[in-house]
C-alpha atoms as a PDB file:
ATOM      1  CA  MET A   1     -17.391 -11.171  -3.994  1.00  0.00           C
ATOM      2  CA  TRP A   2     -14.193 -11.950  -1.534  1.00  0.00           C
ATOM      3  CA  TYR A   3     -11.374  -8.208  -2.253  1.00  0.00           C
ATOM      4  CA  VAL A   4      -8.419  -8.073   0.022  1.00  0.00           C
ATOM      5  CA  ILE A   5      -7.896  -5.190   2.179  1.00  0.00           C
ATOM      6  CA  GLN A   6      -4.174  -4.090   3.102  1.00  0.00           C
ATOM      7  CA  VAL A   7      -3.301  -2.158   6.149  1.00  0.00           C
ATOM      8  CA  MET A   8      -0.639  -1.383   8.503  1.00  0.00           C
ATOM      9  CA  ARG A   9       0.551  -4.658   9.916  1.00  0.00           C
ATOM     10  CA  GLY A  10      -0.441  -4.842  13.928  1.00  0.00           C
ATOM     11  CA  ARG A  11      -2.989  -2.495  13.114  1.00  0.00           C
ATOM     12  CA  GLU A  12      -5.687  -5.461  11.870  1.00  0.00           C
ATOM     13  CA  GLU A  13      -8.485  -5.254  14.567  1.00  0.00           C
ATOM     14  CA  ALA A  14      -7.910  -1.798  14.650  1.00  0.00           C
ATOM     15  CA  MET A  15      -8.606  -1.116  10.869  1.00  0.00           C
ATOM     16  CA  ALA A  16     -11.255  -3.962  10.757  1.00  0.00           C
ATOM     17  CA  SER A  17     -13.367  -2.086  13.178  1.00  0.00           C
ATOM     18  CA  LEU A  18     -12.741   1.026  11.832  1.00  0.00           C
ATOM     19  CA  ILE A  19     -13.374   0.509   8.332  1.00  0.00           C
ATOM     20  CA  SER A  20     -16.765  -1.581   9.553  1.00  0.00           C
ATOM     21  CA  ARG A  21     -17.750   1.545  10.972  1.00  0.00           C
ATOM     22  CA  VAL A  22     -16.960   3.969   8.513  1.00  0.00           C
ATOM     23  CA  VAL A  23     -17.894   2.440   4.969  1.00  0.00           C
ATOM     24  CA  PRO A  24     -22.050   1.867   4.900  1.00  0.00           C
ATOM     25  CA  LYS A  25     -23.400  -1.794   5.153  1.00  0.00           C
ATOM     26  CA  SER A  26     -25.139  -1.078   1.457  1.00  0.00           C
ATOM     27  CA  VAL A  27     -21.427  -0.965   0.533  1.00  0.00           C
ATOM     28  CA  LEU A  28     -19.441  -3.096   2.845  1.00  0.00           C
ATOM     29  CA  GLU A  29     -21.490  -6.521   3.727  1.00  0.00           C
ATOM     30  CA  GLU A  30     -18.472  -7.964   6.132  1.00  0.00           C
ATOM     31  CA  CYS A  31     -15.051  -6.484   7.099  1.00  0.00           C
ATOM     32  CA  PHE A  32     -12.974  -8.640   8.680  1.00  0.00           C
ATOM     33  CA  TYR A  33      -9.378  -9.849   9.690  1.00  0.00           C
ATOM     34  CA  PRO A  34      -9.007 -14.054   9.344  1.00  0.00           C
ATOM     35  CA  GLN A  35      -7.116 -15.486  12.734  1.00  0.00           C
ATOM     36  CA  TYR A  36      -5.711 -18.614  14.372  1.00  0.00           C
ATOM     37  CA  ALA A  37      -5.439 -19.887  17.025  1.00  0.00           C
ATOM     38  CA  THR A  38      -2.697 -21.615  18.142  1.00  0.00           C
ATOM     39  CA  GLU A  39      -0.714 -21.810  22.322  1.00  0.00           C
ATOM     40  CA  MET A  40       2.247 -19.971  23.946  1.00  0.00           C
ATOM     41  CA  LYS A  41       4.087 -20.885  26.645  1.00  0.00           C
ATOM     42  CA  VAL A  42       3.832 -18.301  29.138  1.00  0.00           C
ATOM     43  CA  ARG A  43       6.014 -18.577  32.650  1.00  0.00           C
ATOM     44  CA  GLY A  44       5.936 -22.159  31.890  1.00  0.00           C
ATOM     45  CA  ALA A  45       1.900 -23.003  30.902  1.00  0.00           C
ATOM     46  CA  TRP A  46       0.573 -22.916  27.606  1.00  0.00           C
ATOM     47  CA  VAL A  47      -2.159 -20.376  27.415  1.00  0.00           C
ATOM     48  CA  PRO A  48      -4.459 -20.255  23.964  1.00  0.00           C
ATOM     49  CA  VAL A  49      -3.828 -17.058  21.580  1.00  0.00           C
ATOM     50  CA  GLN A  50      -5.312 -15.642  18.161  1.00  0.00           C
ATOM     51  CA  LYS A  51      -3.032 -14.343  15.409  1.00  0.00           C
ATOM     52  CA  PRO A  52      -3.570 -13.111  12.228  1.00  0.00           C
ATOM     53  CA  LEU A  53      -4.156 -15.223   9.468  1.00  0.00           C
ATOM     54  CA  PHE A  54      -2.879 -12.581   7.092  1.00  0.00           C
ATOM     55  CA  PRO A  55      -0.706  -9.925   9.185  1.00  0.00           C
ATOM     56  CA  GLY A  56      -1.383  -6.831   7.204  1.00  0.00           C
ATOM     57  CA  TYR A  57      -4.264  -7.923   5.441  1.00  0.00           C
ATOM     58  CA  LEU A  58      -8.072  -8.045   5.862  1.00  0.00           C
ATOM     59  CA  ILE A  59     -10.987  -9.284   3.813  1.00  0.00           C
ATOM     60  CA  GLY A  60     -13.988  -7.301   2.603  1.00  0.00           C
ATOM     61  CA  ILE A  61     -16.703  -8.820   0.941  1.00  0.00           C
ATOM     62  CA  THR A  62     -18.411  -6.500  -1.231  1.00  0.00           C
ATOM     63  CA  GLY A  63     -20.013  -5.962  -4.795  1.00  0.00           C
ATOM     64  CA  ASP A  64     -18.723  -2.523  -5.488  1.00  0.00           C
ATOM     65  CA  PRO A  65     -14.956  -2.543  -4.708  1.00  0.00           C
ATOM     66  CA  ALA A  66     -14.160   0.764  -6.672  1.00  0.00           C
ATOM     67  CA  THR A  67     -16.516   2.520  -3.786  1.00  0.00           C
ATOM     68  CA  LEU A  68     -15.169   0.723  -1.123  1.00  0.00           C
ATOM     69  CA  GLU A  69     -11.620   2.039  -2.385  1.00  0.00           C
ATOM     70  CA  ARG A  70     -13.159   5.597  -2.349  1.00  0.00           C
ATOM     71  CA  HIS A  71     -14.611   5.231   1.203  1.00  0.00           C
ATOM     72  CA  LEU A  72     -11.117   4.004   1.990  1.00  0.00           C
ATOM     73  CA  LEU A  73      -9.101   6.963   0.716  1.00  0.00           C
ATOM     74  CA  LYS A  74     -11.357   9.624   2.652  1.00  0.00           C
ATOM     75  CA  MET A  75      -9.935   7.702   6.182  1.00  0.00           C
ATOM     76  CA  ASN A  76      -7.178   9.179   8.046  1.00  0.00           C
ATOM     77  CA  GLU A  77      -5.238   6.107   7.919  1.00  0.00           C
ATOM     78  CA  PHE A  78      -3.650   3.664   5.255  1.00  0.00           C
ATOM     79  CA  ALA A  79      -5.937   1.295   3.234  1.00  0.00           C
ATOM     80  CA  ARG A  80      -6.223   0.286  -0.017  1.00  0.00           C
ATOM     81  CA  VAL A  81      -8.037  -2.731  -1.860  1.00  0.00           C
ATOM     82  CA  LEU A  82      -5.694  -5.012  -3.951  1.00  0.00           C
ATOM     83  CA  SER A  83      -5.260  -4.419  -7.426  1.00  0.00           C
ATOM     84  CA  ARG A  84      -3.929  -5.278 -10.663  1.00  0.00           C
ATOM     85  CA  GLY A  85      -3.223  -1.979 -12.496  1.00  0.00           C
ATOM     86  CA  ASP A  86      -6.892  -0.437 -12.426  1.00  0.00           C
ATOM     87  CA  VAL A  87      -8.699  -3.564 -12.073  1.00  0.00           C
ATOM     88  CA  PHE A  88      -9.838  -4.778  -8.353  1.00  0.00           C
ATOM     89  CA  VAL A  89      -9.093  -8.381  -8.059  1.00  0.00           C
ATOM     90  CA  PRO A  90     -11.000 -10.553  -6.079  1.00  0.00           C
ATOM     91  CA  LEU A  91     -10.241 -13.809  -4.446  1.00  0.00           C
ATOM     92  CA  ALA A  92     -10.030 -17.055  -6.261  1.00  0.00           C
ATOM     93  CA  LYS A  93     -13.633 -19.406  -5.589  1.00  0.00           C
ATOM     94  CA  GLU A  94     -11.102 -21.876  -4.141  1.00  0.00           C
ATOM     95  CA  GLU A  95      -9.281 -19.350  -1.717  1.00  0.00           C
ATOM     96  CA  VAL A  96     -12.620 -18.020  -0.431  1.00  0.00           C
ATOM     97  CA  ALA A  97     -13.881 -21.742  -0.346  1.00  0.00           C
ATOM     98  CA  LEU A  98     -10.698 -22.371   1.927  1.00  0.00           C
ATOM     99  CA  ILE A  99     -11.201 -19.171   4.173  1.00  0.00           C
ATOM    100  CA  GLY A 100     -14.599 -19.518   4.570  1.00  0.00           C
ATOM    101  CA  GLY A 101     -14.206 -23.538   5.477  1.00  0.00           C
ATOM    102  CA  PHE A 102     -11.704 -22.843   8.045  1.00  0.00           C
ATOM    103  CA  THR A 103     -13.949 -19.799   9.555  1.00  0.00           C
ATOM    104  CA  ARG A 104     -17.692 -18.007   9.189  1.00  0.00           C
ATOM    105  CA  PRO A 105     -19.385 -14.922   9.676  1.00  0.00           C
ATOM    106  CA  GLY A 106     -19.012 -13.807  12.972  1.00  0.00           C
ATOM    107  CA  ASP A 107     -16.182 -16.165  14.132  1.00  0.00           C
ATOM    108  CA  ARG A 108     -13.391 -15.959  11.389  1.00  0.00           C
ATOM    109  CA  VAL A 109     -10.545 -17.811  13.885  1.00  0.00           C
ATOM    110  CA  VAL A 110      -9.493 -21.030  12.402  1.00  0.00           C
ATOM    111  CA  PRO A 111      -9.272 -23.560  15.307  1.00  0.00           C
ATOM    112  CA  MET A 112      -6.138 -25.455  16.566  1.00  0.00           C
ATOM    113  CA  SER A 113      -5.945 -28.182  14.977  1.00  0.00           C
ATOM    114  CA  LEU A 114      -4.760 -32.012  16.470  1.00  0.00           C
ATOM    115  CA  GLY A 115      -2.610 -34.728  15.230  1.00  0.00           C
ATOM    116  CA  PHE A 116       0.956 -36.580  15.217  1.00  0.00           C
ATOM    117  CA  LYS A 117       3.903 -37.058  13.164  1.00  0.00           C
ATOM    118  CA  ASP A 118       4.494 -40.425  12.110  1.00  0.00           C
ATOM    119  CA  GLY A 119       8.342 -40.011  10.991  1.00  0.00           C
ATOM    120  CA  ASP A 120       8.296 -37.451   8.346  1.00  0.00           C
ATOM    121  CA  ARG A 121       4.489 -37.293   7.830  1.00  0.00           C
ATOM    122  CA  VAL A 122       2.172 -34.808   9.928  1.00  0.00           C
ATOM    123  CA  ILE A 123      -1.294 -36.804  10.233  1.00  0.00           C
ATOM    124  CA  VAL A 124      -4.050 -34.418  11.542  1.00  0.00           C
ATOM    125  CA  SER A 125      -6.533 -36.310  13.335  1.00  0.00           C
ATOM    126  CA  GLN A 126      -8.807 -33.738  13.882  1.00  0.00           C
ATOM    127  CA  GLY A 127      -9.483 -29.411  13.145  1.00  0.00           C
ATOM    128  CA  PRO A 128      -9.951 -27.468  10.311  1.00  0.00           C
ATOM    129  CA  LEU A 129      -6.312 -28.865   8.801  1.00  0.00           C
ATOM    130  CA  LYS A 130      -7.628 -32.550   8.288  1.00  0.00           C
ATOM    131  CA  GLY A 131      -7.523 -33.455   4.905  1.00  0.00           C
ATOM    132  CA  HIS A 132      -5.590 -30.508   3.970  1.00  0.00           C
ATOM    133  CA  GLU A 133      -1.769 -32.119   5.387  1.00  0.00           C
ATOM    134  CA  GLY A 134      -0.752 -31.790   1.910  1.00  0.00           C
ATOM    135  CA  LEU A 135      -0.467 -28.026   1.869  1.00  0.00           C
ATOM    136  CA  ILE A 136       1.659 -27.823   5.250  1.00  0.00           C
ATOM    137  CA  THR A 137       5.341 -27.618   4.516  1.00  0.00           C
ATOM    138  CA  ASP A 138       7.060 -27.189   7.772  1.00  0.00           C
ATOM    139  CA  ILE A 139       6.228 -27.531  11.469  1.00  0.00           C
ATOM    140  CA  ASN A 140       7.293 -25.270  14.395  1.00  0.00           C
ATOM    141  CA  ARG A 141       6.645 -27.363  17.515  1.00  0.00           C
ATOM    142  CA  ARG A 142       7.515 -24.512  19.776  1.00  0.00           C
ATOM    143  CA  LYS A 143       5.156 -22.417  18.868  1.00  0.00           C
ATOM    144  CA  SER A 144       2.342 -25.106  17.975  1.00  0.00           C
ATOM    145  CA  THR A 145       1.927 -23.953  14.466  1.00  0.00           C
ATOM    146  CA  ALA A 146       1.802 -25.532  10.680  1.00  0.00           C
ATOM    147  CA  TYR A 147       3.285 -23.308   7.771  1.00  0.00           C
ATOM    148  CA  LEU A 148       0.711 -23.756   4.639  1.00  0.00           C
ATOM    149  CA  SER A 149       1.622 -23.004   1.454  1.00  0.00           C
ATOM    150  CA  ILE A 150      -1.451 -21.634  -0.508  1.00  0.00           C
ATOM    151  CA  ASP A 151      -2.192 -19.285  -3.646  1.00  0.00           C
ATOM    152  CA  LEU A 152      -3.899 -15.878  -2.482  1.00  0.00           C
ATOM    153  CA  CYS A 153      -4.727 -13.421  -5.042  1.00  0.00           C
ATOM    154  CA  GLY A 154      -2.653 -15.667  -7.854  1.00  0.00           C
ATOM    155  CA  ARG A 155       0.840 -15.679  -5.904  1.00  0.00           C
ATOM    156  CA  LYS A 156       1.976 -18.647  -3.239  1.00  0.00           C
ATOM    157  CA  VAL A 157       2.192 -17.110   0.253  1.00  0.00           C
ATOM    158  CA  SER A 158       2.683 -18.973   3.472  1.00  0.00           C
ATOM    159  CA  VAL A 159       0.395 -19.010   6.110  1.00  0.00           C
ATOM    160  CA  ARG A 160       0.419 -20.322   9.810  1.00  0.00           C
ATOM    161  CA  MET A 161      -2.032 -21.914  11.748  1.00  0.00           C
ATOM    162  CA  GLY A 162      -2.582 -23.841  15.230  1.00  0.00           C
ATOM    163  CA  LEU A 163      -1.467 -27.254  14.873  1.00  0.00           C
ATOM    164  CA  GLY A 164      -1.463 -27.975  19.395  1.00  0.00           C
ATOM    165  CA  VAL A 165      -1.648 -31.183  21.301  1.00  0.00           C
ATOM    166  CA  LEU A 166      -0.040 -34.111  19.286  1.00  0.00           C
ATOM    167  CA  ARG A 167      -0.849 -38.073  19.559  1.00  0.00           C
ATOM    168  CA  THR A 168       2.074 -40.332  19.278  1.00  0.00           C
ATOM    169  CA  PRO A 169       1.003 -43.576  17.127  1.00  0.00           C
ATOM    170  CA  THR A 170       1.429 -45.268  20.450  1.00  0.00           C
ATOM    171  CA  GLY A 171      -1.628 -43.084  21.579  1.00  0.00           C
ATOM    172  CA  SER A 172      -0.062 -41.668  24.482  1.00  0.00           C
ATOM    173  CA  LEU A 173      -0.664 -37.816  24.394  1.00  0.00           C
ATOM    174  CA  VAL A 174       1.965 -35.375  24.397  1.00  0.00           C
ATOM    175  CA  HIS A 175       2.183 -31.466  23.838  1.00  0.00           C
ATOM    176  CA  ALA A 176       3.373 -29.859  20.064  1.00  0.00           C
ATOM    177  CA  SER A 177       6.518 -29.126  21.605  1.00  0.00           C
ATOM    178  CA  ALA A 178       7.407 -32.763  22.843  1.00  0.00           C
ATOM    179  CA  GLU A 179       6.629 -34.526  19.222  1.00  0.00           C
ATOM    180  CA  LEU A 180       7.548 -32.596  16.517  1.00  0.00           C
ATOM    181  CA  ASP A 181      11.215 -32.127  16.952  1.00  0.00           C
ATOM    182  CA  ASP A 182      12.059 -35.547  16.334  1.00  0.00           C
END
């Protein structure tokens, strides 16, 4: 089952690596921090970057969250399995399907999606957001990101995903920064 591990924000990569080394494979099948691919403008050029999908959180796949928690408590760094009271709460099947549908083991980066804006409506033409346009609540054209509202551990959270080069309904190609703030 998939469980959420809380860590210090900004330390996701280092903590995923540390936890994967410290916790035996018999307890922890995989520890990762999902990321999304986007683009940033650096010195006038668009550069591909990867950012955490859930800043401050990792995903641990384990059948024994209590043993995982005991290993985490032995570390000198902050890390804990999210729980409600004394019960560790796994991600719901829908949450696992969403994250697992956008990523795969060994490559936990959600690729950028491509699409266009038609009036107030966003139409995603390719990428993982295709068919999930209803989850998009906002778009930041300067950061080439779409904000989505999803359920995670029983509460609504806002996550960012890459929404890149866009096509206008007329067919001409433009970058997200030129298209979405009409």
